[in-house]
Amino acid sequence: MAPLPDGFSYAEWNATYNGLSFGIAAMGSATIFFWLQLPNVTQSYRTALTITGIVTLIATYHYIRIFNSWSEAFTVASKDWGDYEVKLTGAPFNDGYRYVDWLLTVPLLLIELILVMKLPQAETVSLSWKLGLASALMVALGYPGEIQEDLSVRWFWWCLSMIPFCYVVFTLAVGLAEATSKQPSPAAASLASAARYLTVFSWLTYPFVYMVKSVGLAGPAATMYEQVGYSIADVMAKAVFGVLIWALAAEKSAVEESGKLLPN
């Protein structure tokens, strides 16, 4: 929990406020959608879709906590001629909620992808443990640097967290390629591939946002870009990714149901 810098303009405060509001709305809506779709997929894929909804539910809760913490850290009062003045209240802004969220949701994101791909049981268990533990380690290693103002310390923890990060990204991009090609239809293979690469793409934004404060940006501008950047990346990595998981589950359910209806 690093102290907030003083001197926020209304535009910087409002951009962060709207970014966090967007996170709440997107995650909450996605949760409702995923759970309403549970009856529309076969039993084999309901666990994956349930986990998808749990991920966005956890994210919704933490975005509400971050949003409330942000709101309580400032007072915004109108000035003459319609301008607004933003002042710190002295209440701490707790951004640690993000790391609690990631520690819970990032392993679940990978597990839901593995489950919906319907790999052999031994491979499913093995990959779930390996990717789940690697992703949790990645998040745990990133947090000590996040709360540091010393740039050399931030770089040190960034480098450490990139080790499990690279392992997970390599597994998604290369290790699951063969399993993707074995999906039951071209549409399912395309959706599985899109889910893998969306995860890679969205994850690649996190290391860059993490280092915003180390590339010449500082003060309120850096805080704004960090908060908005993380919010956009989270929506892509959880809500949009979840839509692909649902679409893949629905496509595979349709293929399996049509196969059952074919005459023997």
Protein backbone atom coordinates (compact mmCIF):
# COMPACT_ATOMS: atom_id res chain seq x y z
CA MET A 1 0.00 0.00 0.00
CA ALA A 2 2.06 2.92 -1.31
CA PRO A 3 1.01 6.51 -0.43
CA LEU A 4 -0.80 8.39 -3.17
CA PRO A 5 0.96 11.39 -4.70
CA ASP A 6 -0.64 14.80 -4.28
CA GLY A 7 -1.68 17.09 -7.10
CA PHE A 8 -4.25 15.04 -9.01
CA SER A 9 -6.15 16.96 -11.65
CA TYR A 10 -9.85 16.27 -12.00
CA ALA A 11 -9.21 14.59 -15.37
CA GLU A 12 -6.68 12.17 -13.84
CA TRP A 13 -8.90 11.40 -10.86
CA ASN A 14 -11.97 10.95 -13.08
CA ALA A 15 -10.19 8.68 -15.58
CA THR A 16 -9.22 6.34 -12.74
CA TYR A 17 -12.70 6.56 -11.22
CA ASN A 18 -14.28 5.62 -14.56
CA GLY A 19 -11.74 2.84 -15.16
CA LEU A 20 -12.58 1.21 -11.84
CA SER A 21 -16.32 1.67 -12.49
CA PHE A 22 -15.86 -0.05 -15.85
CA GLY A 23 -14.17 -2.96 -14.11
CA ILE A 24 -17.08 -3.40 -11.71
CA ALA A 25 -19.71 -3.23 -14.47
CA ALA A 26 -17.86 -5.58 -16.83
CA MET A 27 -17.02 -8.21 -14.20
CA GLY A 28 -20.46 -8.13 -12.60
CA SER A 29 -22.31 -8.43 -15.92
CA ALA A 30 -20.02 -11.25 -17.04
CA THR A 31 -20.68 -13.20 -13.82
CA ILE A 32 -24.44 -13.08 -14.35
CA PHE A 33 -24.10 -14.06 -18.01
CA PHE A 34 -21.81 -17.05 -17.38
CA TRP A 35 -23.99 -18.55 -14.67
CA LEU A 36 -27.17 -18.04 -16.69
CA GLN A 37 -25.53 -20.02 -19.50
CA LEU A 38 -24.79 -23.07 -17.34
CA PRO A 39 -27.92 -25.00 -18.44
CA ASN A 40 -26.99 -24.41 -22.09
CA VAL A 41 -23.79 -26.48 -22.02
CA THR A 42 -23.38 -30.17 -21.36
CA GLN A 43 -22.38 -31.54 -17.96
CA SER A 44 -18.78 -31.97 -19.08
CA TYR A 45 -18.23 -28.22 -19.38
CA ARG A 46 -20.29 -26.85 -16.49
CA THR A 47 -17.37 -26.98 -14.07
CA ALA A 48 -15.26 -24.81 -16.40
CA LEU A 49 -18.11 -22.33 -16.87
CA THR A 50 -18.81 -22.27 -13.12
CA ILE A 51 -15.15 -21.44 -12.46
CA THR A 52 -15.36 -18.71 -15.10
CA GLY A 53 -18.21 -17.11 -13.15
CA ILE A 54 -16.34 -17.50 -9.87
CA VAL A 55 -13.35 -15.68 -11.37
CA THR A 56 -15.43 -12.68 -12.43
CA LEU A 57 -17.36 -12.71 -9.14
CA ILE A 58 -14.11 -12.51 -7.16
CA ALA A 59 -12.94 -9.74 -9.48
CA THR A 60 -16.23 -7.84 -9.03
CA TYR A 61 -15.83 -7.93 -5.25
CA HIS A 62 -12.25 -6.69 -5.35
CA TYR A 63 -13.03 -3.97 -7.88
CA ILE A 64 -15.75 -2.69 -5.56
CA ARG A 65 -13.21 -2.60 -2.71
CA ILE A 66 -10.62 -0.79 -4.87
CA PHE A 67 -13.27 1.66 -6.12
CA ASN A 68 -14.42 2.43 -2.57
CA SER A 69 -10.83 2.86 -1.41
CA TRP A 70 -10.15 5.26 -4.29
CA SER A 71 -13.28 7.30 -3.55
CA GLU A 72 -12.45 7.54 0.15
CA ALA A 73 -8.90 8.73 -0.56
CA PHE A 74 -10.10 11.97 -2.20
CA THR A 75 -12.51 14.82 -1.84
CA VAL A 76 -13.74 16.39 -5.07
CA ALA A 77 -15.32 19.82 -4.71
CA SER A 78 -16.54 22.25 -7.35
CA LYS A 79 -14.77 25.59 -7.69
CA ASP A 80 -15.80 28.79 -9.41
CA TRP A 81 -16.71 28.60 -13.09
CA GLY A 82 -17.46 24.88 -12.91
CA ASP A 83 -13.92 23.61 -12.26
CA TYR A 84 -13.27 20.82 -9.75
CA GLU A 85 -10.59 20.62 -7.10
CA VAL A 86 -9.23 17.24 -6.07
CA LYS A 87 -7.61 16.83 -2.65
CA LEU A 88 -6.29 13.88 -0.69
CA THR A 89 -8.26 13.06 2.45
CA GLY A 90 -5.39 11.25 4.11
CA ALA A 91 -7.19 7.91 3.93
CA PRO A 92 -4.92 5.24 2.42
CA PHE A 93 -5.62 3.86 -1.05
CA ASN A 94 -5.34 0.08 -0.79
CA ASP A 95 -4.25 -1.30 -4.13
CA GLY A 96 -3.30 -4.59 -2.47
CA TYR A 97 -6.79 -5.85 -3.29
CA ARG A 98 -5.55 -6.39 -6.85
CA TYR A 99 -2.92 -8.84 -5.74
CA VAL A 100 -5.34 -10.74 -3.53
CA ASP A 101 -7.64 -10.92 -6.56
CA TRP A 102 -4.88 -12.09 -8.90
CA LEU A 103 -3.61 -14.67 -6.43
CA LEU A 104 -7.08 -16.26 -6.42
CA THR A 105 -8.20 -15.73 -10.01
CA VAL A 106 -5.11 -16.17 -12.18
CA PRO A 107 -4.65 -19.90 -11.36
CA LEU A 108 -8.41 -20.41 -11.84
CA LEU A 109 -8.25 -18.75 -15.28
CA LEU A 110 -5.71 -21.30 -16.45
CA ILE A 111 -7.57 -24.22 -14.88
CA GLU A 112 -10.84 -23.28 -16.62
CA LEU A 113 -9.05 -23.24 -19.98
CA ILE A 114 -7.55 -26.68 -19.35
CA LEU A 115 -10.91 -28.08 -18.23
CA VAL A 116 -12.83 -26.79 -21.24
CA MET A 117 -10.22 -28.24 -23.62
CA LYS A 118 -11.10 -31.67 -22.18
CA LEU A 119 -7.60 -33.12 -22.14
CA PRO A 120 -6.85 -36.62 -20.81
CA GLN A 121 -7.32 -36.74 -17.05
CA ALA A 122 -3.64 -37.22 -16.19
CA GLU A 123 -2.64 -34.31 -18.41
CA THR A 124 -5.44 -32.13 -17.01
CA VAL A 125 -4.32 -32.73 -13.41
CA SER A 126 -0.63 -32.23 -14.24
CA LEU A 127 -1.14 -29.00 -16.19
CA SER A 128 -3.57 -27.61 -13.63
CA TRP A 129 -1.04 -28.03 -10.84
CA LYS A 130 1.95 -26.77 -12.84
CA LEU A 131 0.26 -23.72 -14.35
CA GLY A 132 -1.71 -22.93 -11.19
CA LEU A 133 1.37 -22.95 -8.96
CA ALA A 134 3.51 -21.06 -11.51
CA SER A 135 0.91 -18.33 -11.91
CA ALA A 136 0.44 -17.98 -8.13
CA LEU A 137 4.22 -17.71 -7.71
CA MET A 138 4.29 -15.04 -10.43
CA VAL A 139 1.75 -12.91 -8.55
CA ALA A 140 3.43 -13.45 -5.17
CA LEU A 141 6.80 -12.37 -6.55
CA GLY A 142 5.32 -9.26 -8.15
CA TYR A 143 3.74 -7.80 -5.01
CA PRO A 144 6.93 -6.85 -3.07
CA GLY A 145 8.04 -4.73 -6.03
CA GLU A 146 4.64 -3.12 -6.47
CA ILE A 147 4.75 -1.53 -3.03
CA GLN A 148 8.30 -0.20 -3.45
CA GLU A 149 9.26 3.30 -4.56
CA ASP A 150 12.89 2.28 -5.12
CA LEU A 151 13.11 1.56 -8.86
CA SER A 152 16.00 -0.90 -8.51
CA VAL A 153 13.92 -2.97 -6.09
CA ARG A 154 10.93 -2.85 -8.45
CA TRP A 155 13.10 -4.09 -11.31
CA PHE A 156 14.49 -6.91 -9.14
CA TRP A 157 11.05 -8.29 -8.26
CA TRP A 158 9.82 -7.73 -11.82
CA CYS A 159 12.65 -9.92 -13.13
CA LEU A 160 11.89 -12.65 -10.59
CA SER A 161 8.17 -12.68 -11.39
CA MET A 162 8.93 -12.89 -15.11
CA ILE A 163 10.47 -16.37 -14.66
CA PRO A 164 7.16 -18.18 -13.90
CA PHE A 165 5.40 -15.71 -16.21
CA CYS A 166 7.50 -16.87 -19.19
CA TYR A 167 6.88 -20.52 -18.31
CA VAL A 168 3.10 -20.01 -18.32
CA VAL A 169 3.11 -17.97 -21.53
CA PHE A 170 5.30 -20.56 -23.29
CA THR A 171 2.98 -23.36 -22.20
CA LEU A 172 -0.07 -21.48 -23.50
CA ALA A 173 1.51 -20.46 -26.79
CA VAL A 174 3.42 -23.66 -27.59
CA GLY A 175 2.64 -26.43 -25.11
CA LEU A 176 -1.11 -26.49 -25.78
CA ALA A 177 -0.84 -26.21 -29.57
CA GLU A 178 -1.24 -29.95 -30.15
CA ALA A 179 -4.24 -30.21 -27.82
CA THR A 180 -5.86 -27.28 -29.65
CA SER A 181 -5.52 -29.03 -32.99
CA LYS A 182 -7.38 -32.06 -31.57
CA GLN A 183 -10.56 -30.16 -30.70
CA PRO A 184 -13.71 -31.78 -32.17
CA SER A 185 -14.47 -29.12 -34.80
CA PRO A 186 -12.65 -26.34 -36.67
CA ALA A 187 -14.74 -23.76 -34.79
CA ALA A 188 -13.77 -25.29 -31.44
CA ALA A 189 -10.09 -25.35 -32.43
CA SER A 190 -10.32 -21.71 -33.49
CA LEU A 191 -11.96 -20.69 -30.21
CA ALA A 192 -9.41 -22.63 -28.13
CA SER A 193 -6.61 -20.94 -30.04
CA ALA A 194 -8.22 -17.52 -29.56
CA ALA A 195 -8.56 -18.14 -25.79
CA ARG A 196 -4.89 -19.13 -25.53
CA TYR A 197 -3.62 -16.15 -27.45
CA LEU A 198 -5.96 -13.68 -25.76
CA THR A 199 -4.51 -14.83 -22.45
CA VAL A 200 -0.97 -14.35 -23.77
CA PHE A 201 -1.80 -10.91 -25.21
CA SER A 202 -3.64 -9.65 -22.13
CA TRP A 203 -0.96 -10.99 -19.80
CA LEU A 204 1.75 -9.19 -21.74
CA THR A 205 0.16 -5.88 -20.76
CA TYR A 206 0.68 -6.49 -17.04
CA PRO A 207 4.52 -6.37 -16.99
CA PHE A 208 4.45 -3.10 -18.95
CA VAL A 209 1.84 -1.50 -16.70
CA TYR A 210 3.80 -2.72 -13.67
CA MET A 211 6.84 -0.75 -14.84
CA VAL A 212 5.00 2.47 -15.71
CA LYS A 213 6.65 4.19 -12.74
CA SER A 214 10.09 3.13 -13.97
CA VAL A 215 10.03 4.65 -17.45
CA GLY A 216 9.90 8.36 -16.71
CA LEU A 217 6.32 8.68 -15.50
CA ALA A 218 5.68 9.71 -11.93
CA GLY A 219 3.08 11.24 -9.66
CA PRO A 220 -0.62 11.35 -10.48
CA ALA A 221 -0.15 10.56 -14.19
CA ALA A 222 1.69 7.33 -13.41
CA THR A 223 -0.98 6.29 -10.90
CA MET A 224 -3.74 7.00 -13.41
CA TYR A 225 -2.08 5.00 -16.21
CA GLU A 226 -1.37 2.14 -13.82
CA GLN A 227 -4.93 1.88 -12.52
CA VAL A 228 -6.60 2.29 -15.92
CA GLY A 229 -4.12 -0.08 -17.55
CA TYR A 230 -4.70 -2.81 -14.98
CA SER A 231 -8.48 -2.37 -15.27
CA ILE A 232 -8.44 -2.81 -19.06
CA ALA A 233 -6.09 -5.80 -18.83
CA ASP A 234 -8.26 -7.43 -16.15
CA VAL A 235 -11.44 -7.09 -18.21
CA MET A 236 -9.70 -8.65 -21.22
CA ALA A 237 -8.10 -11.44 -19.19
CA LYS A 238 -11.24 -12.36 -17.24
CA ALA A 239 -14.51 -11.14 -18.78
CA VAL A 240 -13.55 -11.32 -22.48
CA PHE A 241 -11.56 -14.51 -21.92
CA GLY A 242 -14.59 -15.94 -20.12
CA VAL A 243 -16.79 -15.24 -23.13
CA LEU A 244 -14.40 -17.31 -25.24
CA ILE A 245 -14.53 -20.12 -22.67
CA TRP A 246 -18.34 -20.04 -22.81
CA ALA A 247 -18.32 -20.01 -26.64
CA LEU A 248 -15.91 -22.96 -26.70
CA ALA A 249 -18.02 -24.90 -24.19
CA ALA A 250 -21.18 -24.15 -26.19
CA GLU A 251 -19.56 -25.21 -29.48
CA LYS A 252 -18.22 -28.47 -28.07
CA SER A 253 -21.56 -29.18 -26.39
CA ALA A 254 -23.34 -28.72 -29.72
CA VAL A 255 -20.88 -31.04 -31.49
CA GLU A 256 -21.25 -33.71 -28.83
CA GLU A 257 -25.05 -33.44 -28.80
CA SER A 258 -25.24 -33.66 -32.58
CA GLY A 259 -23.04 -36.75 -32.47
CA LYS A 260 -25.44 -38.43 -30.06
CA LEU A 261 -28.34 -37.74 -32.41
CA LEU A 262 -26.70 -39.41 -35.39
CA PRO A 263 -28.14 -42.85 -36.26
CA ASN A 264 -26.02 -45.85 -35.37
